[in-house]
């Protein structure tokens, strides 16, 4: 499929798609406080 062609999901009507977008925008506003934690590099003592 060429990148300039858009297809719609067959199971989503316009209202469901808008609700999904609003939900994802809401989830984006939730503060994660640095989650997931990043691995710390462990220095070897020689």
Protein backbone atom coordinates (compact mmCIF):
# COMPACT_ATOMS: atom_id res chain seq x y z
CA UNK A 1 0.00 0.00 0.00
CA UNK A 2 1.37 3.39 -0.90
CA UNK A 3 1.91 5.72 2.09
CA UNK A 4 -0.47 8.39 0.74
CA UNK A 5 -3.45 6.00 0.80
CA UNK A 6 -5.50 5.78 3.99
CA UNK A 7 -7.85 2.95 4.78
CA UNK A 8 -10.46 2.93 7.50
CA UNK A 9 -10.82 0.13 9.99
CA UNK A 10 -13.87 -1.87 8.88
CA UNK A 11 -15.15 -2.45 12.43
CA UNK A 12 -14.96 1.17 13.62
CA UNK A 13 -17.60 3.69 12.77
CA UNK A 14 -16.86 7.40 13.07
CA UNK A 15 -18.17 7.71 16.65
CA UNK A 16 -16.07 4.76 17.86
CA UNK A 17 -12.98 6.18 16.16
CA UNK A 18 -13.52 9.58 17.81
CA UNK A 19 -14.01 7.90 21.20
CA UNK A 20 -10.78 5.96 20.71
CA UNK A 21 -8.89 9.15 19.85
CA UNK A 22 -10.28 10.90 22.94
CA UNK A 23 -9.31 7.93 25.11
CA UNK A 24 -5.76 7.88 23.76
CA UNK A 25 -5.45 11.63 24.32
CA UNK A 26 -6.65 11.11 27.91
CA UNK A 27 -4.16 8.28 28.51
CA UNK A 28 -1.39 10.52 27.18
CA UNK A 29 -2.13 13.05 29.97
CA UNK A 30 -1.64 10.53 32.80
CA UNK A 31 1.68 11.20 34.56
CA UNK A 32 3.82 8.08 34.59
CA UNK A 33 6.42 9.42 37.02
CA UNK A 34 9.27 7.83 35.11
CA UNK A 35 7.65 4.44 34.64
CA UNK A 36 8.97 2.05 33.43
CA UNK A 37 12.22 2.41 35.33
CA UNK A 38 15.40 2.39 33.29
CA UNK A 39 18.09 -0.18 33.93
CA UNK A 40 21.05 1.14 35.82
CA UNK A 41 24.50 0.24 34.64
CA UNK A 42 26.37 -1.69 37.31
CA UNK A 43 30.03 -0.88 37.59
CA UNK A 44 32.35 -3.79 38.30
CA UNK A 45 34.68 -3.40 41.26
CA UNK A 46 38.16 -4.62 40.34
